[in-house]
Amino acid sequence: MPADAARTRPTCRPAAAMSWEDVVDRARALAATGRAVLGIAGPPGAGKTTLASALVAALDRAAPGSAAHVPMDGFHLADVELTRLGRLDRKGAPDTFDADGYRALLARLVAPRAGEIVYAPAFDRELEQPVAGSIPVGGAVDLVVSEGNYLLLPGPGWRAARELCAEVWWVDAGPDERTRRLVARHERFGKSAAAAEVWVRDVDGANARLIETTRDEADLIVPGDLELPG
């Protein structure tokens, strides 16, 4: 990525003008340039994973194997390390991720060796742990879609990761809907209703406030209520 890339990035498009076809067309245009990484940012519960999965499915329908989904969540530090660091009670904050490891993976994905399969980690929501070597990204992939909370965050690791992305989009969703989704997610994976609400208020909420300060750094704003294909 050229050093002056930030100065040539497109202006954020107004969310009101967006349609699903617009989103897919823009992703296809990125894929047409050769191997590229599309980042999708936004606060917890905004719908980043849903959008990333839908985009990959749409591109794969047109050209099977041409897109891959590589979430940033695979770079969560394991609970044993968070316990050692004293950060387990705020898991999901920026310093509970391996930002430099994520950047190193994106660098490999942007410029793979000929014939190389790059293996990326995933995050198992049942275990609540990262799982190495889970996602193969082969040579036929033109677009890697990578979503994560902190892609637009300043700081050495995050900034370097952002510069490896051809574009970073922001998913815009209202706080009430995000809270509803997050509480339901935490309950689904084992927290009581009361514990889920406290976690969303004290941990996810603090992270969301930090992440929202980076919204204007995105290349494109995608509305959280965008109608995706069924």
Protein backbone atom coordinates (compact mmCIF):
# COMPACT_ATOMS: atom_id res chain seq x y z
CA MET A 1 0.00 0.00 0.00
CA PRO A 2 1.58 3.33 -1.00
CA ALA A 3 2.51 5.70 1.83
CA ASP A 4 0.13 8.34 0.47
CA ALA A 5 -2.80 5.91 0.12
CA ALA A 6 -4.80 7.64 2.83
CA ARG A 7 -4.87 10.84 0.79
CA THR A 8 -6.34 9.10 -2.24
CA ARG A 9 -9.02 7.04 -0.54
CA PRO A 10 -12.60 7.73 -1.72
CA THR A 11 -14.88 9.94 0.33
CA CYS A 12 -17.44 8.11 2.50
CA ARG A 13 -20.68 7.66 0.61
CA PRO A 14 -23.87 8.78 2.40
CA ALA A 15 -25.60 5.79 3.97
CA ALA A 16 -28.99 6.86 2.56
CA ALA A 17 -27.76 6.29 -1.00
CA MET A 18 -26.70 2.69 -0.36
CA SER A 19 -28.24 -0.51 -1.71
CA TRP A 20 -27.12 -4.13 -1.58
CA GLU A 21 -26.28 -3.99 -5.29
CA ASP A 22 -24.05 -0.93 -4.66
CA VAL A 23 -22.18 -2.80 -1.94
CA VAL A 24 -21.62 -5.93 -4.05
CA ASP A 25 -20.54 -3.90 -7.09
CA ARG A 26 -17.96 -2.02 -5.03
CA ALA A 27 -16.62 -5.28 -3.58
CA ARG A 28 -16.40 -6.77 -7.09
CA ALA A 29 -14.46 -3.73 -8.25
CA LEU A 30 -11.92 -4.30 -5.50
CA ALA A 31 -11.63 -7.98 -6.41
CA ALA A 32 -11.07 -7.07 -10.06
CA THR A 33 -7.80 -5.34 -9.17
CA GLY A 34 -6.18 -8.61 -8.05
CA ARG A 35 -5.74 -9.93 -4.50
CA ALA A 36 -7.09 -7.33 -2.10
CA VAL A 37 -8.27 -7.15 1.50
CA LEU A 38 -11.55 -5.41 2.32
CA GLY A 39 -11.86 -4.44 5.96
CA ILE A 40 -15.23 -4.03 7.67
CA ALA A 41 -15.22 -2.06 10.92
CA GLY A 42 -17.80 -0.89 13.41
CA PRO A 43 -18.78 -1.29 17.05
CA PRO A 44 -19.77 -4.63 18.62
CA GLY A 45 -23.15 -5.85 17.40
CA ALA A 46 -23.27 -3.61 14.33
CA GLY A 47 -23.59 -6.53 11.91
CA LYS A 48 -20.02 -6.74 10.58
CA THR A 49 -19.91 -10.54 10.42
CA THR A 50 -23.34 -10.73 8.76
CA LEU A 51 -22.26 -8.27 6.07
CA ALA A 52 -18.90 -10.00 5.52
CA SER A 53 -20.54 -13.42 5.16
CA ALA A 54 -23.15 -12.10 2.73
CA LEU A 55 -20.51 -10.40 0.59
CA VAL A 56 -18.36 -13.53 0.38
CA ALA A 57 -21.40 -15.63 -0.53
CA ALA A 58 -22.40 -13.17 -3.28
CA LEU A 59 -18.93 -13.12 -4.82
CA ASP A 60 -18.60 -16.89 -4.57
CA ARG A 61 -21.88 -17.41 -6.38
CA ALA A 62 -20.51 -15.52 -9.38
CA ALA A 63 -17.00 -16.99 -9.16
CA PRO A 64 -16.66 -19.96 -6.78
CA GLY A 65 -13.63 -19.73 -4.52
CA SER A 66 -12.92 -16.09 -5.36
CA ALA A 67 -13.60 -14.66 -1.89
CA ALA A 68 -12.74 -15.59 1.68
CA HIS A 69 -13.84 -14.38 5.10
CA VAL A 70 -11.02 -13.90 7.62
CA PRO A 71 -12.29 -12.35 10.89
CA MET A 72 -10.06 -10.33 13.18
CA ASP A 73 -11.57 -12.26 16.11
CA GLY A 74 -9.12 -15.09 15.43
CA PHE A 75 -6.52 -12.83 17.02
CA HIS A 76 -8.16 -12.66 20.44
CA LEU A 77 -5.58 -13.55 23.06
CA ALA A 78 -6.42 -16.87 24.72
CA ASP A 79 -8.08 -16.74 28.13
CA VAL A 80 -4.98 -18.19 29.81
CA GLU A 81 -2.92 -15.25 28.53
CA LEU A 82 -5.62 -12.71 29.40
CA THR A 83 -5.68 -14.12 32.93
CA ARG A 84 -1.90 -13.79 33.18
CA LEU A 85 -2.15 -10.18 32.00
CA GLY A 86 -5.08 -9.37 34.27
CA ARG A 87 -7.35 -8.47 31.33
CA LEU A 88 -9.87 -11.31 31.23
CA ASP A 89 -12.62 -9.15 32.73
CA ARG A 90 -12.50 -6.85 29.70
CA LYS A 91 -11.95 -9.38 26.95
CA GLY A 92 -12.59 -7.68 23.60
CA ALA A 93 -10.77 -4.43 24.39
CA PRO A 94 -8.00 -3.40 21.96
CA ASP A 95 -5.18 -4.68 24.16
CA THR A 96 -6.75 -8.13 24.40
CA PHE A 97 -5.90 -8.81 20.73
CA ASP A 98 -2.64 -9.66 18.98
CA ALA A 99 -2.69 -6.63 16.66
CA ASP A 100 0.79 -7.30 15.28
CA GLY A 101 -0.09 -10.91 14.53
CA TYR A 102 -3.17 -9.73 12.65
CA ARG A 103 -1.09 -7.25 10.67
CA ALA A 104 1.42 -9.98 9.80
CA LEU A 105 -1.36 -12.23 8.50
CA LEU A 106 -2.82 -9.44 6.35
CA ALA A 107 0.64 -8.86 4.87
CA ARG A 108 0.81 -12.53 3.85
CA LEU A 109 -2.71 -12.40 2.46
CA VAL A 110 -2.02 -9.30 0.36
CA ALA A 111 1.12 -10.77 -1.22
CA PRO A 112 1.07 -14.59 -1.00
CA ARG A 113 3.78 -16.69 -2.60
CA ALA A 114 2.83 -18.47 -5.81
CA GLY A 115 0.66 -21.48 -5.03
CA GLU A 116 0.65 -20.75 -1.29
CA ILE A 117 -2.34 -21.51 0.92
CA VAL A 118 -2.38 -19.07 3.84
CA TYR A 119 -4.07 -20.44 6.95
CA ALA A 120 -5.86 -17.97 9.22
CA PRO A 121 -7.21 -18.48 12.74
CA ALA A 122 -10.91 -18.42 13.57
CA PHE A 123 -12.73 -17.66 16.81
CA ASP A 124 -14.88 -20.46 18.23
CA ARG A 125 -17.86 -18.90 19.99
CA GLU A 126 -18.69 -22.14 21.79
CA LEU A 127 -15.19 -22.30 23.29
CA GLU A 128 -14.79 -18.50 23.38
CA GLN A 129 -11.23 -19.10 22.16
CA PRO A 130 -9.18 -18.53 18.99
CA VAL A 131 -8.43 -21.66 16.95
CA ALA A 132 -5.30 -21.59 14.78
CA GLY A 133 -5.13 -22.84 11.19
CA SER A 134 -8.91 -22.88 10.68
CA ILE A 135 -9.43 -20.85 7.51
CA PRO A 136 -7.56 -21.72 4.28
CA VAL A 137 -7.08 -18.89 1.80
CA GLY A 138 -5.96 -20.32 -1.53
CA GLY A 139 -4.48 -18.73 -4.60
CA ALA A 140 -7.82 -18.37 -6.41
CA VAL A 141 -9.09 -15.87 -3.82
CA ASP A 142 -9.22 -12.33 -5.20
CA LEU A 143 -10.94 -10.67 -2.23
CA VAL A 144 -10.36 -11.33 1.45
CA VAL A 145 -13.08 -9.80 3.63
CA SER A 146 -11.82 -9.19 7.15
CA GLU A 147 -14.10 -7.67 9.78
CA GLY A 148 -13.14 -6.39 13.19
CA ASN A 149 -13.82 -3.69 15.71
CA TYR A 150 -10.48 -1.93 15.61
CA LEU A 151 -9.47 -1.70 11.95
CA LEU A 152 -9.65 2.10 12.04
CA LEU A 153 -8.04 2.58 15.44
CA PRO A 154 -4.84 4.66 15.58
CA GLY A 155 -1.76 3.01 16.98
CA PRO A 156 1.17 1.11 15.43
CA GLY A 157 -0.35 -2.38 15.06
CA TRP A 158 -3.84 -1.29 14.04
CA ARG A 159 -2.71 1.49 11.72
CA ALA A 160 -0.34 -0.87 9.91
CA ALA A 161 -3.14 -3.41 9.51
CA ARG A 162 -5.47 -0.76 8.11
CA GLU A 163 -2.90 0.29 5.52
CA LEU A 164 -2.84 -3.28 4.17
CA CYS A 165 -6.56 -3.03 3.35
CA ALA A 166 -7.62 -1.72 -0.04
CA GLU A 167 -10.65 -0.17 1.69
CA VAL A 168 -12.25 -0.23 5.12
CA TRP A 169 -16.03 0.08 5.37
CA TRP A 170 -18.01 1.07 8.45
CA VAL A 171 -21.27 -0.63 9.41
CA ASP A 172 -23.62 1.93 10.94
CA ALA A 173 -26.17 0.54 13.42
CA GLY A 174 -28.14 2.23 16.20
CA PRO A 175 -27.21 1.62 19.85
CA ASP A 176 -30.55 0.04 20.81
CA GLU A 177 -30.33 -2.59 18.08
CA ARG A 178 -26.68 -3.29 18.83
CA THR A 179 -27.47 -3.73 22.53
CA ARG A 180 -30.30 -6.14 21.75
CA ARG A 181 -28.06 -8.23 19.50
CA LEU A 182 -25.18 -8.29 21.97
CA VAL A 183 -27.29 -9.31 24.97
CA ALA A 184 -28.85 -12.10 22.90
CA ARG A 185 -25.41 -13.25 21.72
CA HIS A 186 -23.95 -13.39 25.22
CA GLU A 187 -27.00 -15.28 26.50
CA ARG A 188 -26.77 -17.71 23.57
CA PHE A 189 -23.20 -18.55 24.53
CA GLY A 190 -23.78 -19.11 28.22
CA LYS A 191 -24.16 -15.86 30.16
CA SER A 192 -27.24 -15.24 32.29
CA ALA A 193 -29.50 -12.39 31.19
CA ALA A 194 -28.23 -10.21 34.05
CA ALA A 195 -24.57 -10.98 33.35
CA ALA A 196 -25.07 -10.34 29.62
CA GLU A 197 -26.59 -6.93 30.28
CA VAL A 198 -23.75 -5.95 32.63
CA TRP A 199 -21.11 -7.09 30.12
CA VAL A 200 -22.75 -5.18 27.27
CA ARG A 201 -23.01 -2.03 29.40
CA ASP A 202 -19.54 -2.08 30.98
CA VAL A 203 -17.30 -3.87 28.45
CA ASP A 204 -18.93 -3.82 25.01
CA GLY A 205 -20.23 -0.32 25.68
CA ALA A 206 -16.80 1.07 26.55
CA ASN A 207 -15.32 -0.54 23.44
CA ALA A 208 -18.13 0.84 21.27
CA ARG A 209 -17.52 4.40 22.47
CA LEU A 210 -13.85 4.10 21.54
CA ILE A 211 -14.57 2.53 18.15
CA GLU A 212 -17.17 5.16 17.24
CA THR A 213 -14.47 7.85 17.35
CA THR A 214 -12.96 6.22 14.23
CA ARG A 215 -16.11 6.26 12.05
CA ASP A 216 -15.00 9.17 9.88
CA GLU A 217 -11.83 7.30 8.89
CA ALA A 218 -13.82 4.77 6.82
CA ASP A 219 -13.91 4.71 3.04
CA LEU A 220 -17.60 3.84 2.93
CA ILE A 221 -20.51 3.95 5.39
CA VAL A 222 -22.86 0.98 5.10
CA PRO A 223 -26.22 1.30 6.92
CA GLY A 224 -26.82 -1.33 9.58
CA ASP A 225 -30.36 -1.88 8.32
CA LEU A 226 -29.24 -2.62 4.76
CA GLU A 227 -31.50 -5.29 3.31
CA LEU A 228 -29.30 -8.31 2.64
CA PRO A 229 -30.28 -11.28 0.45
CA GLY A 230 -32.14 -14.04 2.28
